[in-house]
Amino acid sequence: MLKRCKLFTKDEDGAVTVDWVVLTAAVVSLAGIAYSAINGPTGDVSTAVSNTIGGVTVSSGL
């Protein structure tokens, strides 16, 4: 029984999985933060362009 306990404490397979889960969560969080930072200013620009284009009248001239 003691031998099995020692083998269990030396096994590192589960630790690698935990490392990948933490790393993936950090990458997803950083991507969300970057999206939030970029979305605000670009959303304002796209709204301004849309309003400008919507206010333009085009005459056929015929």
PDB file of N, CA and C in Angstrom:
ATOM      1  N   MET A   1       0.825  -1.191   0.000  1.00  0.00           N
ATOM      2  CA  MET A   1       0.000   0.000   0.000  1.00  0.00           C
ATOM      3  C   MET A   1       0.869   1.255   0.000  1.00  0.00           C
ATOM      4  N   LEU A   2       1.928   1.236   0.755  1.00  0.00           N
ATOM      5  CA  LEU A   2       2.831   2.385   0.813  1.00  0.00           C
ATOM      6  C   LEU A   2       3.497   2.619  -0.543  1.00  0.00           C
ATOM      7  N   LYS A   3       3.796   1.526  -1.224  1.00  0.00           N
ATOM      8  CA  LYS A   3       4.415   1.632  -2.544  1.00  0.00           C
ATOM      9  C   LYS A   3       3.463   2.325  -3.531  1.00  0.00           C
ATOM     10  N   ARG A   4       2.174   1.998  -3.477  1.00  0.00           N
ATOM     11  CA  ARG A   4       1.182   2.643  -4.355  1.00  0.00           C
ATOM     12  C   ARG A   4       1.053   4.127  -4.052  1.00  0.00           C
ATOM     13  N   CYS A   5       1.109   4.485  -2.795  1.00  0.00           N
ATOM     14  CA  CYS A   5       1.022   5.899  -2.404  1.00  0.00           C
ATOM     15  C   CYS A   5       2.214   6.677  -2.944  1.00  0.00           C
ATOM     16  N   LYS A   6       3.386   6.116  -2.883  1.00  0.00           N
ATOM     17  CA  LYS A   6       4.571   6.781  -3.407  1.00  0.00           C
ATOM     18  C   LYS A   6       4.475   6.949  -4.919  1.00  0.00           C
ATOM     19  N   LEU A   7       3.983   5.922  -5.604  1.00  0.00           N
ATOM     20  CA  LEU A   7       3.814   6.026  -7.050  1.00  0.00           C
ATOM     21  C   LEU A   7       2.770   7.097  -7.400  1.00  0.00           C
ATOM     22  N   PHE A   8       1.732   7.180  -6.606  1.00  0.00           N
ATOM     23  CA  PHE A   8       0.682   8.170  -6.859  1.00  0.00           C
ATOM     24  C   PHE A   8       1.218   9.595  -6.715  1.00  0.00           C
ATOM     25  N   THR A   9       2.036   9.836  -5.725  1.00  0.00           N
ATOM     26  CA  THR A   9       2.562  11.184  -5.499  1.00  0.00           C
ATOM     27  C   THR A   9       3.598  11.579  -6.535  1.00  0.00           C
ATOM     28  N   LYS A  10       4.234  10.610  -7.173  1.00  0.00           N
ATOM     29  CA  LYS A  10       5.220  10.918  -8.214  1.00  0.00           C
ATOM     30  C   LYS A  10       4.588  11.075  -9.585  1.00  0.00           C
ATOM     31  N   ASP A  11       3.363  10.640  -9.760  1.00  0.00           N
ATOM     32  CA  ASP A  11       2.683  10.727 -11.056  1.00  0.00           C
ATOM     33  C   ASP A  11       2.339  12.183 -11.358  1.00  0.00           C
ATOM     34  N   GLU A  12       2.756  12.679 -12.533  1.00  0.00           N
ATOM     35  CA  GLU A  12       2.545  14.081 -12.889  1.00  0.00           C
ATOM     36  C   GLU A  12       1.604  14.253 -14.079  1.00  0.00           C
ATOM     37  N   ASP A  13       0.907  13.232 -14.509  1.00  0.00           N
ATOM     38  CA  ASP A  13       0.026  13.343 -15.670  1.00  0.00           C
ATOM     39  C   ASP A  13      -1.093  14.355 -15.442  1.00  0.00           C
ATOM     40  N   GLY A  14      -1.703  14.358 -14.299  1.00  0.00           N
ATOM     41  CA  GLY A  14      -2.791  15.286 -14.010  1.00  0.00           C
ATOM     42  C   GLY A  14      -2.319  16.724 -13.892  1.00  0.00           C
ATOM     43  N   ALA A  15      -1.093  16.929 -13.442  1.00  0.00           N
ATOM     44  CA  ALA A  15      -0.556  18.274 -13.273  1.00  0.00           C
ATOM     45  C   ALA A  15      -0.402  18.973 -14.619  1.00  0.00           C
ATOM     46  N   VAL A  16      -0.054  18.239 -15.637  1.00  0.00           N
ATOM     47  CA  VAL A  16       0.078  18.821 -16.975  1.00  0.00           C
ATOM     48  C   VAL A  16      -1.281  19.305 -17.463  1.00  0.00           C
ATOM     49  N   THR A  17      -2.317  18.550 -17.212  1.00  0.00           N
ATOM     50  CA  THR A  17      -3.663  18.950 -17.607  1.00  0.00           C
ATOM     51  C   THR A  17      -4.078  20.234 -16.908  1.00  0.00           C
ATOM     52  N   VAL A  18      -3.793  20.341 -15.646  1.00  0.00           N
ATOM     53  CA  VAL A  18      -4.132  21.550 -14.893  1.00  0.00           C
ATOM     54  C   VAL A  18      -3.370  22.747 -15.451  1.00  0.00           C
ATOM     55  N   ASP A  19      -2.118  22.561 -15.795  1.00  0.00           N
ATOM     56  CA  ASP A  19      -1.327  23.647 -16.389  1.00  0.00           C
ATOM     57  C   ASP A  19      -1.962  24.141 -17.685  1.00  0.00           C
ATOM     58  N   TRP A  20      -2.392  23.225 -18.533  1.00  0.00           N
ATOM     59  CA  TRP A  20      -3.007  23.613 -19.807  1.00  0.00           C
ATOM     60  C   TRP A  20      -4.346  24.312 -19.597  1.00  0.00           C
ATOM     61  N   VAL A  21      -5.105  23.879 -18.613  1.00  0.00           N
ATOM     62  CA  VAL A  21      -6.387  24.524 -18.333  1.00  0.00           C
ATOM     63  C   VAL A  21      -6.168  25.959 -17.870  1.00  0.00           C
ATOM     64  N   VAL A  22      -5.212  26.163 -17.002  1.00  0.00           N
ATOM     65  CA  VAL A  22      -4.906  27.511 -16.508  1.00  0.00           C
ATOM     66  C   VAL A  22      -4.376  28.384 -17.643  1.00  0.00           C
ATOM     67  N   LEU A  23      -3.506  27.853 -18.464  1.00  0.00           N
ATOM     68  CA  LEU A  23      -2.961  28.601 -19.587  1.00  0.00           C
ATOM     69  C   LEU A  23      -4.049  28.980 -20.585  1.00  0.00           C
ATOM     70  N   THR A  24      -4.942  28.054 -20.885  1.00  0.00           N
ATOM     71  CA  THR A  24      -6.029  28.332 -21.813  1.00  0.00           C
ATOM     72  C   THR A  24      -6.979  29.383 -21.251  1.00  0.00           C
ATOM     73  N   ALA A  25      -7.275  29.321 -19.980  1.00  0.00           N
ATOM     74  CA  ALA A  25      -8.137  30.320 -19.357  1.00  0.00           C
ATOM     75  C   ALA A  25      -7.493  31.703 -19.409  1.00  0.00           C
ATOM     76  N   ALA A  26      -6.202  31.785 -19.216  1.00  0.00           N
ATOM     77  CA  ALA A  26      -5.508  33.070 -19.286  1.00  0.00           C
ATOM     78  C   ALA A  26      -5.547  33.645 -20.697  1.00  0.00           C
ATOM     79  N   VAL A  27      -5.345  32.810 -21.704  1.00  0.00           N
ATOM     80  CA  VAL A  27      -5.376  33.272 -23.095  1.00  0.00           C
ATOM     81  C   VAL A  27      -6.776  33.748 -23.474  1.00  0.00           C
ATOM     82  N   VAL A  28      -7.797  33.015 -23.076  1.00  0.00           N
ATOM     83  CA  VAL A  28      -9.173  33.414 -23.376  1.00  0.00           C
ATOM     84  C   VAL A  28      -9.517  34.720 -22.668  1.00  0.00           C
ATOM     85  N   SER A  29      -9.087  34.884 -21.448  1.00  0.00           N
ATOM     86  CA  SER A  29      -9.340  36.125 -20.717  1.00  0.00           C
ATOM     87  C   SER A  29      -8.655  37.311 -21.378  1.00  0.00           C
ATOM     88  N   LEU A  30      -7.417  37.137 -21.780  1.00  0.00           N
ATOM     89  CA  LEU A  30      -6.706  38.221 -22.454  1.00  0.00           C
ATOM     90  C   LEU A  30      -7.352  38.565 -23.793  1.00  0.00           C
ATOM     91  N   ALA A  31      -7.837  37.579 -24.508  1.00  0.00           N
ATOM     92  CA  ALA A  31      -8.523  37.841 -25.777  1.00  0.00           C
ATOM     93  C   ALA A  31      -9.807  38.632 -25.535  1.00  0.00           C
ATOM     94  N   GLY A  32     -10.529  38.302 -24.486  1.00  0.00           N
ATOM     95  CA  GLY A  32     -11.744  39.045 -24.147  1.00  0.00           C
ATOM     96  C   GLY A  32     -11.453  40.486 -23.775  1.00  0.00           C
ATOM     97  N   ILE A  33     -10.389  40.701 -23.030  1.00  0.00           N
ATOM     98  CA  ILE A  33      -9.997  42.058 -22.657  1.00  0.00           C
ATOM     99  C   ILE A  33      -9.582  42.854 -23.889  1.00  0.00           C
ATOM    100  N   ALA A  34      -8.829  42.249 -24.774  1.00  0.00           N
ATOM    101  CA  ALA A  34      -8.406  42.928 -25.999  1.00  0.00           C
ATOM    102  C   ALA A  34      -9.608  43.265 -26.872  1.00  0.00           C
ATOM    103  N   TYR A  35     -10.568  42.350 -26.968  1.00  0.00           N
ATOM    104  CA  TYR A  35     -11.775  42.603 -27.762  1.00  0.00           C
ATOM    105  C   TYR A  35     -12.557  43.772 -27.187  1.00  0.00           C
ATOM    106  N   SER A  36     -12.680  43.824 -25.881  1.00  0.00           N
ATOM    107  CA  SER A  36     -13.407  44.922 -25.238  1.00  0.00           C
ATOM    108  C   SER A  36     -12.709  46.254 -25.473  1.00  0.00           C
ATOM    109  N   ALA A  37     -11.401  46.252 -25.425  1.00  0.00           N
ATOM    110  CA  ALA A  37     -10.642  47.488 -25.623  1.00  0.00           C
ATOM    111  C   ALA A  37     -10.751  47.988 -27.057  1.00  0.00           C
ATOM    112  N   ILE A  38     -10.802  47.088 -28.012  1.00  0.00           N
ATOM    113  CA  ILE A  38     -10.863  47.478 -29.425  1.00  0.00           C
ATOM    114  C   ILE A  38     -12.291  47.776 -29.861  1.00  0.00           C
ATOM    115  N   ASN A  39     -13.255  47.069 -29.322  1.00  0.00           N
ATOM    116  CA  ASN A  39     -14.637  47.188 -29.778  1.00  0.00           C
ATOM    117  C   ASN A  39     -15.218  48.573 -29.516  1.00  0.00           C
ATOM    118  N   GLY A  40     -14.922  49.206 -28.407  1.00  0.00           N
ATOM    119  CA  GLY A  40     -15.480  50.520 -28.086  1.00  0.00           C
ATOM    120  C   GLY A  40     -15.128  51.578 -29.106  1.00  0.00           C
ATOM    121  N   PRO A  41     -13.843  51.866 -29.329  1.00  0.00           N
ATOM    122  CA  PRO A  41     -13.473  52.908 -30.293  1.00  0.00           C
ATOM    123  C   PRO A  41     -13.876  52.588 -31.729  1.00  0.00           C
ATOM    124  N   THR A  42     -13.746  51.356 -32.154  1.00  0.00           N
ATOM    125  CA  THR A  42     -14.115  51.034 -33.531  1.00  0.00           C
ATOM    126  C   THR A  42     -15.622  51.057 -33.719  1.00  0.00           C
ATOM    127  N   GLY A  43     -16.379  50.740 -32.683  1.00  0.00           N
ATOM    128  CA  GLY A  43     -17.835  50.830 -32.771  1.00  0.00           C
ATOM    129  C   GLY A  43     -18.285  52.270 -32.938  1.00  0.00           C
ATOM    130  N   ASP A  44     -17.610  53.199 -32.265  1.00  0.00           N
ATOM    131  CA  ASP A  44     -17.932  54.616 -32.401  1.00  0.00           C
ATOM    132  C   ASP A  44     -17.634  55.106 -33.815  1.00  0.00           C
ATOM    133  N   VAL A  45     -16.523  54.689 -34.389  1.00  0.00           N
ATOM    134  CA  VAL A  45     -16.149  55.099 -35.742  1.00  0.00           C
ATOM    135  C   VAL A  45     -17.152  54.547 -36.755  1.00  0.00           C
ATOM    136  N   SER A  46     -17.520  53.287 -36.602  1.00  0.00           N
ATOM    137  CA  SER A  46     -18.461  52.706 -37.565  1.00  0.00           C
ATOM    138  C   SER A  46     -19.827  53.371 -37.475  1.00  0.00           C
ATOM    139  N   THR A  47     -20.246  53.777 -36.294  1.00  0.00           N
ATOM    140  CA  THR A  47     -21.519  54.490 -36.144  1.00  0.00           C
ATOM    141  C   THR A  47     -21.438  55.856 -36.819  1.00  0.00           C
ATOM    142  N   ALA A  48     -20.329  56.562 -36.654  1.00  0.00           N
ATOM    143  CA  ALA A  48     -20.158  57.871 -37.283  1.00  0.00           C
ATOM    144  C   ALA A  48     -20.147  57.752 -38.807  1.00  0.00           C
ATOM    145  N   VAL A  49     -19.468  56.759 -39.335  1.00  0.00           N
ATOM    146  CA  VAL A  49     -19.433  56.555 -40.791  1.00  0.00           C
ATOM    147  C   VAL A  49     -20.822  56.210 -41.304  1.00  0.00           C
ATOM    148  N   SER A  50     -21.537  55.374 -40.588  1.00  0.00           N
ATOM    149  CA  SER A  50     -22.891  54.999 -40.991  1.00  0.00           C
ATOM    150  C   SER A  50     -23.820  56.207 -41.020  1.00  0.00           C
ATOM    151  N   ASN A  51     -23.726  57.062 -40.011  1.00  0.00           N
ATOM    152  CA  ASN A  51     -24.560  58.263 -39.968  1.00  0.00           C
ATOM    153  C   ASN A  51     -24.211  59.224 -41.099  1.00  0.00           C
ATOM    154  N   THR A  52     -22.930  59.355 -41.405  1.00  0.00           N
ATOM    155  CA  THR A  52     -22.496  60.244 -42.490  1.00  0.00           C
ATOM    156  C   THR A  52     -22.976  59.731 -43.841  1.00  0.00           C
ATOM    157  N   ILE A  53     -22.810  58.461 -44.082  1.00  0.00           N
ATOM    158  CA  ILE A  53     -23.240  57.884 -45.358  1.00  0.00           C
ATOM    159  C   ILE A  53     -24.762  57.926 -45.471  1.00  0.00           C
ATOM    160  N   GLY A  54     -25.456  57.716 -44.383  1.00  0.00           N
ATOM    161  CA  GLY A  54     -26.918  57.749 -44.406  1.00  0.00           C
ATOM    162  C   GLY A  54     -27.462  59.133 -44.667  1.00  0.00           C
ATOM    163  N   GLY A  55     -26.730  60.182 -44.358  1.00  0.00           N
ATOM    164  CA  GLY A  55     -27.189  61.548 -44.561  1.00  0.00           C
ATOM    165  C   GLY A  55     -26.891  62.102 -45.937  1.00  0.00           C
ATOM    166  N   VAL A  56     -26.159  61.387 -46.774  1.00  0.00           N
ATOM    167  CA  VAL A  56     -25.790  61.863 -48.093  1.00  0.00           C
ATOM    168  C   VAL A  56     -26.929  61.574 -49.072  1.00  0.00           C
ATOM    169  N   THR A  57     -27.274  62.593 -49.849  1.00  0.00           N
ATOM    170  CA  THR A  57     -28.277  62.401 -50.908  1.00  0.00           C
ATOM    171  C   THR A  57     -27.574  62.407 -52.260  1.00  0.00           C
ATOM    172  N   VAL A  58     -27.979  61.521 -53.105  1.00  0.00           N
ATOM    173  CA  VAL A  58     -27.363  61.391 -54.429  1.00  0.00           C
ATOM    174  C   VAL A  58     -28.406  61.768 -55.469  1.00  0.00           C
ATOM    175  N   SER A  59     -28.066  62.708 -56.326  1.00  0.00           N
ATOM    176  CA  SER A  59     -28.993  63.084 -57.400  1.00  0.00           C
ATOM    177  C   SER A  59     -28.541  62.423 -58.697  1.00  0.00           C
ATOM    178  N   SER A  60     -29.519  62.082 -59.502  1.00  0.00           N
ATOM    179  CA  SER A  60     -29.191  61.374 -60.740  1.00  0.00           C
ATOM    180  C   SER A  60     -28.643  62.336 -61.789  1.00  0.00           C
ATOM    181  N   GLY A  61     -29.061  63.594 -61.794  1.00  0.00           N
ATOM    182  CA  GLY A  61     -28.522  64.577 -62.738  1.00  0.00           C
ATOM    183  C   GLY A  61     -29.043  64.377 -64.154  1.00  0.00           C
ATOM    184  N   LEU A  62     -30.044  63.582 -64.348  1.00  0.00           N
ATOM    185  CA  LEU A  62     -30.588  63.352 -65.694  1.00  0.00           C
ATOM    186  C   LEU A  62     -31.781  64.188 -65.938  1.00  0.00           C
TER     187      LEU A  62
END
